[in-house]
Amino acid sequence: MSRAVEETNRRMLRARDAMDRAYAQPLDVPALARIAHVSEAHFTRTFRATFGETPHRYLQRRRVERAMFLLRETDRSVTDVCFEVGFGSPGTFSRTFRGIVGRSPRTYRKEAVATGVPTCFTMAWTRPSD
């Protein structure tokens, strides 16, 4: 692997790590491109080539993964979970959640059973595939 490819990968990882840390914050492509020290267009293209999905889709998936945990493990309302994970409206949250998980947040909560296994296993088993 060339030095340039390694540097590009490092920059994309830096941006992805920022999304993982601050998934509930309003993150947009210009802010993420600044973190990676590249232009917005280059960032979007390179992120997709590196990770197989757009930055927006990655961030949505991370938010939905966190929402799945909160719905499974807490009794917070769906609306509270929606805002806690960074969505701006319950409608967008429900539509995105259904698109990734295949069911509404309320249905997911009813069907999800908190198990006595470590969280890392639960997350791996329930990780959205889309």
N, C-alpha and C. Protein backbone atom coordinates (compact mmCIF):
# COMPACT_ATOMS: atom_id res chain seq x y z
N MET A 1 0.85 -1.17 0.00
CA MET A 1 0.00 0.00 0.00
C MET A 1 0.89 1.24 0.00
N SER A 2 0.58 2.16 -0.85
CA SER A 2 1.41 3.36 -0.97
C SER A 2 1.21 4.30 0.21
N ARG A 3 2.15 5.16 0.38
CA ARG A 3 2.08 6.14 1.46
C ARG A 3 0.87 7.06 1.30
N ALA A 4 0.53 7.43 0.06
CA ALA A 4 -0.62 8.30 -0.19
C ALA A 4 -1.93 7.61 0.20
N VAL A 5 -2.05 6.32 -0.11
CA VAL A 5 -3.26 5.57 0.25
C VAL A 5 -3.37 5.45 1.76
N GLU A 6 -2.26 5.20 2.42
CA GLU A 6 -2.27 5.12 3.88
C GLU A 6 -2.72 6.43 4.50
N GLU A 7 -2.23 7.54 3.97
CA GLU A 7 -2.61 8.85 4.49
C GLU A 7 -4.09 9.12 4.24
N THR A 8 -4.60 8.76 3.08
CA THR A 8 -6.02 8.93 2.78
C THR A 8 -6.87 8.10 3.73
N ASN A 9 -6.49 6.85 3.95
CA ASN A 9 -7.22 5.99 4.88
C ASN A 9 -7.20 6.57 6.29
N ARG A 10 -6.08 7.09 6.70
CA ARG A 10 -5.95 7.70 8.03
C ARG A 10 -6.91 8.88 8.18
N ARG A 11 -6.99 9.69 7.13
CA ARG A 11 -7.88 10.86 7.16
C ARG A 11 -9.35 10.43 7.24
N MET A 12 -9.71 9.40 6.49
CA MET A 12 -11.09 8.91 6.52
C MET A 12 -11.42 8.29 7.87
N LEU A 13 -10.47 7.57 8.44
CA LEU A 13 -10.67 7.00 9.77
C LEU A 13 -10.85 8.09 10.82
N ARG A 14 -10.11 9.17 10.67
CA ARG A 14 -10.22 10.30 11.60
C ARG A 14 -11.66 10.85 11.57
N ALA A 15 -12.20 11.02 10.38
CA ALA A 15 -13.57 11.52 10.24
C ALA A 15 -14.58 10.51 10.77
N ARG A 16 -14.38 9.23 10.46
CA ARG A 16 -15.32 8.21 10.94
C ARG A 16 -15.28 8.12 12.46
N ASP A 17 -14.10 8.22 13.05
CA ASP A 17 -14.00 8.22 14.51
C ASP A 17 -14.73 9.41 15.12
N ALA A 18 -14.65 10.55 14.46
CA ALA A 18 -15.39 11.73 14.94
C ALA A 18 -16.89 11.47 14.90
N MET A 19 -17.37 10.79 13.85
CA MET A 19 -18.79 10.44 13.76
C MET A 19 -19.18 9.46 14.86
N ASP A 20 -18.30 8.50 15.14
CA ASP A 20 -18.58 7.53 16.19
C ASP A 20 -18.67 8.20 17.56
N ARG A 21 -17.80 9.17 17.80
CA ARG A 21 -17.78 9.88 19.09
C ARG A 21 -18.94 10.85 19.25
N ALA A 22 -19.25 11.58 18.20
CA ALA A 22 -20.21 12.67 18.29
C ALA A 22 -21.44 12.43 17.42
N TYR A 23 -21.91 11.17 17.35
CA TYR A 23 -23.03 10.83 16.48
C TYR A 23 -24.29 11.63 16.77
N ALA A 24 -24.48 12.07 18.01
CA ALA A 24 -25.69 12.80 18.38
C ALA A 24 -25.59 14.29 18.05
N GLN A 25 -24.42 14.75 17.69
CA GLN A 25 -24.22 16.16 17.34
C GLN A 25 -24.58 16.39 15.87
N PRO A 26 -24.94 17.62 15.54
CA PRO A 26 -25.19 17.89 14.12
C PRO A 26 -23.88 17.89 13.34
N LEU A 27 -23.66 16.86 12.57
CA LEU A 27 -22.45 16.72 11.75
C LEU A 27 -22.86 16.80 10.29
N ASP A 28 -22.15 17.60 9.53
CA ASP A 28 -22.42 17.69 8.11
C ASP A 28 -21.13 17.44 7.34
N VAL A 29 -21.26 17.28 6.04
CA VAL A 29 -20.10 16.98 5.20
C VAL A 29 -19.02 18.05 5.30
N PRO A 30 -19.36 19.35 5.28
CA PRO A 30 -18.28 20.35 5.41
C PRO A 30 -17.47 20.19 6.70
N ALA A 31 -18.14 19.92 7.82
CA ALA A 31 -17.42 19.75 9.09
C ALA A 31 -16.55 18.50 9.05
N LEU A 32 -17.07 17.42 8.50
CA LEU A 32 -16.30 16.17 8.42
C LEU A 32 -15.13 16.30 7.46
N ALA A 33 -15.34 17.01 6.36
CA ALA A 33 -14.25 17.23 5.40
C ALA A 33 -13.13 18.04 6.05
N ARG A 34 -13.50 19.00 6.88
CA ARG A 34 -12.47 19.77 7.60
C ARG A 34 -11.67 18.87 8.55
N ILE A 35 -12.34 17.96 9.21
CA ILE A 35 -11.66 17.02 10.11
C ILE A 35 -10.66 16.17 9.32
N ALA A 36 -11.06 15.76 8.11
CA ALA A 36 -10.20 14.92 7.27
C ALA A 36 -9.20 15.74 6.45
N HIS A 37 -9.33 17.07 6.49
CA HIS A 37 -8.43 17.96 5.75
C HIS A 37 -8.47 17.73 4.24
N VAL A 38 -9.70 17.59 3.72
CA VAL A 38 -9.90 17.44 2.28
C VAL A 38 -11.12 18.25 1.87
N SER A 39 -11.33 18.40 0.55
CA SER A 39 -12.52 19.12 0.08
C SER A 39 -13.77 18.27 0.32
N GLU A 40 -14.92 18.92 0.30
CA GLU A 40 -16.18 18.22 0.56
C GLU A 40 -16.45 17.13 -0.47
N ALA A 41 -16.27 17.46 -1.75
CA ALA A 41 -16.53 16.47 -2.81
C ALA A 41 -15.56 15.29 -2.70
N HIS A 42 -14.31 15.59 -2.47
CA HIS A 42 -13.31 14.53 -2.33
C HIS A 42 -13.62 13.67 -1.10
N PHE A 43 -14.04 14.30 -0.02
CA PHE A 43 -14.37 13.57 1.20
C PHE A 43 -15.50 12.57 0.95
N THR A 44 -16.58 13.04 0.35
CA THR A 44 -17.73 12.16 0.12
C THR A 44 -17.36 10.99 -0.78
N ARG A 45 -16.65 11.26 -1.86
CA ARG A 45 -16.22 10.19 -2.79
C ARG A 45 -15.30 9.19 -2.10
N THR A 46 -14.32 9.71 -1.39
CA THR A 46 -13.32 8.85 -0.77
C THR A 46 -13.91 8.06 0.39
N PHE A 47 -14.77 8.68 1.17
CA PHE A 47 -15.41 7.97 2.29
C PHE A 47 -16.22 6.79 1.75
N ARG A 48 -16.98 7.03 0.70
CA ARG A 48 -17.78 5.95 0.12
C ARG A 48 -16.90 4.84 -0.43
N ALA A 49 -15.82 5.20 -1.10
CA ALA A 49 -14.91 4.20 -1.65
C ALA A 49 -14.22 3.41 -0.54
N THR A 50 -13.93 4.06 0.56
CA THR A 50 -13.22 3.42 1.67
C THR A 50 -14.13 2.52 2.50
N PHE A 51 -15.34 3.02 2.82
CA PHE A 51 -16.21 2.31 3.76
C PHE A 51 -17.46 1.70 3.14
N GLY A 52 -17.70 1.95 1.85
CA GLY A 52 -18.82 1.32 1.17
C GLY A 52 -20.16 1.99 1.37
N GLU A 53 -20.21 3.14 2.01
CA GLU A 53 -21.44 3.89 2.17
C GLU A 53 -21.12 5.37 2.33
N THR A 54 -22.10 6.20 2.09
CA THR A 54 -21.87 7.64 2.20
C THR A 54 -21.71 8.03 3.67
N PRO A 55 -21.09 9.17 3.92
CA PRO A 55 -20.96 9.63 5.31
C PRO A 55 -22.33 9.79 5.98
N HIS A 56 -23.29 10.31 5.25
CA HIS A 56 -24.63 10.51 5.81
C HIS A 56 -25.25 9.18 6.23
N ARG A 57 -25.14 8.17 5.37
CA ARG A 57 -25.72 6.87 5.67
C ARG A 57 -25.00 6.22 6.86
N TYR A 58 -23.69 6.37 6.92
CA TYR A 58 -22.93 5.82 8.05
C TYR A 58 -23.41 6.45 9.35
N LEU A 59 -23.56 7.77 9.35
CA LEU A 59 -23.99 8.47 10.55
C LEU A 59 -25.41 8.04 10.94
N GLN A 60 -26.30 7.90 9.97
CA GLN A 60 -27.65 7.42 10.27
C GLN A 60 -27.61 6.03 10.90
N ARG A 61 -26.80 5.16 10.34
CA ARG A 61 -26.72 3.80 10.88
C ARG A 61 -26.19 3.79 12.30
N ARG A 62 -25.18 4.61 12.57
CA ARG A 62 -24.63 4.70 13.94
C ARG A 62 -25.70 5.19 14.91
N ARG A 63 -26.47 6.19 14.49
CA ARG A 63 -27.54 6.72 15.34
C ARG A 63 -28.62 5.66 15.59
N VAL A 64 -28.97 4.92 14.56
CA VAL A 64 -29.98 3.87 14.70
C VAL A 64 -29.45 2.75 15.61
N GLU A 65 -28.18 2.39 15.49
CA GLU A 65 -27.60 1.37 16.37
C GLU A 65 -27.71 1.80 17.83
N ARG A 66 -27.41 3.05 18.10
CA ARG A 66 -27.52 3.56 19.48
C ARG A 66 -28.97 3.57 19.92
N ALA A 67 -29.87 3.96 19.03
CA ALA A 67 -31.30 3.97 19.35
C ALA A 67 -31.80 2.56 19.66
N MET A 68 -31.31 1.58 18.92
CA MET A 68 -31.70 0.19 19.18
C MET A 68 -31.32 -0.20 20.60
N PHE A 69 -30.12 0.17 21.01
CA PHE A 69 -29.68 -0.14 22.37
C PHE A 69 -30.59 0.54 23.39
N LEU A 70 -30.85 1.83 23.20
CA LEU A 70 -31.69 2.57 24.16
C LEU A 70 -33.11 2.02 24.21
N LEU A 71 -33.65 1.65 23.08
CA LEU A 71 -35.00 1.09 23.06
C LEU A 71 -35.05 -0.26 23.75
N ARG A 72 -33.98 -1.03 23.61
CA ARG A 72 -33.91 -2.36 24.22
C ARG A 72 -33.66 -2.29 25.72
N GLU A 73 -32.80 -1.38 26.14
CA GLU A 73 -32.29 -1.39 27.51
C GLU A 73 -32.88 -0.34 28.44
N THR A 74 -33.65 0.61 27.92
CA THR A 74 -34.22 1.65 28.78
C THR A 74 -35.72 1.73 28.55
N ASP A 75 -36.37 2.51 29.39
CA ASP A 75 -37.81 2.73 29.20
C ASP A 75 -38.10 4.15 28.72
N ARG A 76 -37.10 4.82 28.17
CA ARG A 76 -37.30 6.17 27.62
C ARG A 76 -38.28 6.10 26.45
N SER A 77 -39.01 7.19 26.26
CA SER A 77 -39.97 7.22 25.15
C SER A 77 -39.22 7.22 23.82
N VAL A 78 -39.91 6.80 22.79
CA VAL A 78 -39.31 6.78 21.45
C VAL A 78 -38.90 8.19 21.05
N THR A 79 -39.69 9.18 21.40
CA THR A 79 -39.36 10.57 21.07
C THR A 79 -38.08 11.01 21.78
N ASP A 80 -37.94 10.66 23.05
CA ASP A 80 -36.72 11.00 23.78
C ASP A 80 -35.50 10.34 23.15
N VAL A 81 -35.64 9.08 22.78
CA VAL A 81 -34.55 8.35 22.13
C VAL A 81 -34.19 9.02 20.81
N CYS A 82 -35.21 9.40 20.06
CA CYS A 82 -35.01 10.07 18.77
C CYS A 82 -34.10 11.28 18.92
N PHE A 83 -34.41 12.15 19.85
CA PHE A 83 -33.62 13.38 20.02
C PHE A 83 -32.27 13.10 20.67
N GLU A 84 -32.21 12.11 21.54
CA GLU A 84 -30.94 11.79 22.22
C GLU A 84 -29.88 11.29 21.23
N VAL A 85 -30.30 10.56 20.22
CA VAL A 85 -29.32 10.02 19.27
C VAL A 85 -29.02 10.96 18.12
N GLY A 86 -29.68 12.13 18.09
CA GLY A 86 -29.30 13.13 17.11
C GLY A 86 -30.26 13.38 15.96
N PHE A 87 -31.42 12.74 15.96
CA PHE A 87 -32.39 13.02 14.90
C PHE A 87 -33.15 14.30 15.25
N GLY A 88 -33.56 15.03 14.23
CA GLY A 88 -34.23 16.31 14.43
C GLY A 88 -35.74 16.21 14.53
N SER A 89 -36.30 15.08 14.07
CA SER A 89 -37.75 14.93 14.15
C SER A 89 -38.11 13.46 14.31
N PRO A 90 -39.18 13.18 15.04
CA PRO A 90 -39.61 11.79 15.22
C PRO A 90 -39.99 11.12 13.90
N GLY A 91 -40.54 11.88 12.95
CA GLY A 91 -40.91 11.29 11.66
C GLY A 91 -39.69 10.80 10.89
N THR A 92 -38.66 11.63 10.84
CA THR A 92 -37.42 11.23 10.16
C THR A 92 -36.79 10.04 10.87
N PHE A 93 -36.81 10.08 12.20
CA PHE A 93 -36.25 8.98 12.98
C PHE A 93 -36.97 7.67 12.67
N SER A 94 -38.30 7.69 12.72
CA SER A 94 -39.07 6.47 12.47
C SER A 94 -38.85 5.94 11.06
N ARG A 95 -38.85 6.84 10.07
CA ARG A 95 -38.65 6.42 8.67
C ARG A 95 -37.26 5.82 8.48
N THR A 96 -36.25 6.48 9.04
CA THR A 96 -34.87 5.97 8.91
C THR A 96 -34.71 4.66 9.66
N PHE A 97 -35.25 4.58 10.88
CA PHE A 97 -35.17 3.37 11.69
C PHE A 97 -35.81 2.20 10.93
N ARG A 98 -37.00 2.42 10.40
CA ARG A 98 -37.69 1.36 9.66
C ARG A 98 -36.90 0.95 8.41
N GLY A 99 -36.30 1.90 7.74
CA GLY A 99 -35.51 1.61 6.55
C GLY A 99 -34.28 0.76 6.84
N ILE A 100 -33.68 0.97 8.00
CA ILE A 100 -32.46 0.24 8.35
C ILE A 100 -32.77 -1.07 9.07
N VAL A 101 -33.70 -1.03 10.02
CA VAL A 101 -33.98 -2.20 10.86
C VAL A 101 -35.08 -3.08 10.27
N GLY A 102 -36.00 -2.48 9.52
CA GLY A 102 -37.08 -3.26 8.95
C GLY A 102 -38.36 -3.22 9.74
N ARG A 103 -38.36 -2.53 10.87
CA ARG A 103 -39.57 -2.37 11.68
C ARG A 103 -39.53 -1.00 12.34
N SER A 104 -40.68 -0.56 12.82
CA SER A 104 -40.74 0.74 13.49
C SER A 104 -40.04 0.65 14.84
N PRO A 105 -39.65 1.78 15.41
CA PRO A 105 -39.02 1.75 16.73
C PRO A 105 -39.93 1.11 17.79
N ARG A 106 -41.21 1.41 17.75
CA ARG A 106 -42.14 0.84 18.74
C ARG A 106 -42.23 -0.68 18.59
N THR A 107 -42.32 -1.16 17.36
CA THR A 107 -42.37 -2.60 17.12
C THR A 107 -41.07 -3.26 17.55
N TYR A 108 -39.95 -2.62 17.23
CA TYR A 108 -38.65 -3.16 17.63
C TYR A 108 -38.59 -3.30 19.15
N ARG A 109 -39.03 -2.27 19.86
CA ARG A 109 -39.00 -2.31 21.34
C ARG A 109 -39.85 -3.46 21.86
N LYS A 110 -41.02 -3.66 21.29
CA LYS A 110 -41.91 -4.74 21.76
C LYS A 110 -41.28 -6.11 21.53
N GLU A 111 -40.61 -6.26 20.38
CA GLU A 111 -40.05 -7.56 20.02
C GLU A 111 -38.68 -7.83 20.60
N ALA A 112 -37.94 -6.77 20.94
CA ALA A 112 -36.58 -6.93 21.47
C ALA A 112 -36.65 -7.39 22.91
N VAL A 113 -35.86 -8.36 23.21
CA VAL A 113 -35.80 -8.87 24.57
C VAL A 113 -34.39 -8.63 25.08
N ALA A 114 -34.30 -7.92 26.18
CA ALA A 114 -32.99 -7.72 26.80
C ALA A 114 -32.49 -9.07 27.29
N THR A 115 -31.37 -9.49 26.80
CA THR A 115 -30.84 -10.81 27.12
C THR A 115 -29.74 -10.69 28.17
N GLY A 116 -29.39 -11.81 28.74
CA GLY A 116 -28.36 -11.85 29.76
C GLY A 116 -26.97 -12.08 29.19
N VAL A 117 -26.77 -11.77 27.93
CA VAL A 117 -25.45 -11.94 27.32
C VAL A 117 -24.76 -10.59 27.26
N PRO A 118 -23.44 -10.57 27.11
CA PRO A 118 -22.72 -9.30 27.04
C PRO A 118 -23.23 -8.42 25.90
N THR A 119 -23.19 -7.13 26.12
CA THR A 119 -23.68 -6.16 25.14
C THR A 119 -22.99 -6.31 23.80
N CYS A 120 -21.70 -6.65 23.79
CA CYS A 120 -20.99 -6.77 22.51
C CYS A 120 -21.61 -7.86 21.64
N PHE A 121 -22.07 -8.95 22.24
CA PHE A 121 -22.71 -10.01 21.47
C PHE A 121 -24.08 -9.56 20.97
N THR A 122 -24.85 -8.90 21.84
CA THR A 122 -26.16 -8.41 21.44
C THR A 122 -26.04 -7.44 20.28
N MET A 123 -25.05 -6.53 20.36
CA MET A 123 -24.86 -5.56 19.29
C MET A 123 -24.49 -6.26 17.98
N ALA A 124 -23.64 -7.27 18.06
CA ALA A 124 -23.24 -8.00 16.84
C ALA A 124 -24.43 -8.73 16.23
N TRP A 125 -25.26 -9.34 17.06
CA TRP A 125 -26.42 -10.10 16.56
C TRP A 125 -27.50 -9.20 16.00
N THR A 126 -27.65 -8.01 16.57
CA THR A 126 -28.74 -7.13 16.15
C THR A 126 -28.28 -5.99 15.25
N ARG A 127 -27.03 -5.97 14.86
CA ARG A 127 -26.50 -4.88 14.01
C ARG A 127 -27.25 -4.83 12.69
N PRO A 128 -27.71 -3.64 12.31
CA PRO A 128 -28.41 -3.52 11.03
C PRO A 128 -27.49 -3.88 9.87
N SER A 129 -27.99 -4.60 8.91
CA SER A 129 -27.16 -5.03 7.80
C SER A 129 -27.17 -4.04 6.66
N ASP A 130 -28.07 -3.07 6.68
CA ASP A 130 -28.17 -2.11 5.59
C ASP A 130 -27.37 -0.87 5.87
